[in-house]
Amino acid sequence: MESVWDYPRPPRVEPSTRQALYFDVVVGDRRAGEAAWAYPNPVERYAELRDYVAFYPQAVDACWLGDERVSPNGGDFYGGWITSDVQGPFKGAPGTLGW
């Protein structure tokens, strides 16, 4: 089991000229603006992210991890995928910005 309390606080921020690319997701006549992102040239520590695209689960109808449907974080900033493997509390809902 993974706990969100184990993540570094505050998160580490590093200046970079290699920002993420954001994509609109278009299906038929529906468009979800900036619903996905990718890092074409990630820093070496995250090199495994190259050539992958991630989705904000709250921006699309559904995201799945294997056979499990993912629950999105509240709000529209965090792109976390909440599954039965992760316990909260989770940021994003009203009142959670300050912790």
Foldseek 3Di string as FASTA:
>chain_A
DDEPVPADPPHDDDDDPQDKDFDWDDDPPDIQGRQKIARCDDDPVPVVRHPDMAGQQVRDPWDDDVPRTFDGAAADDDSDTDDPVYDDDDDHDPPRPPD
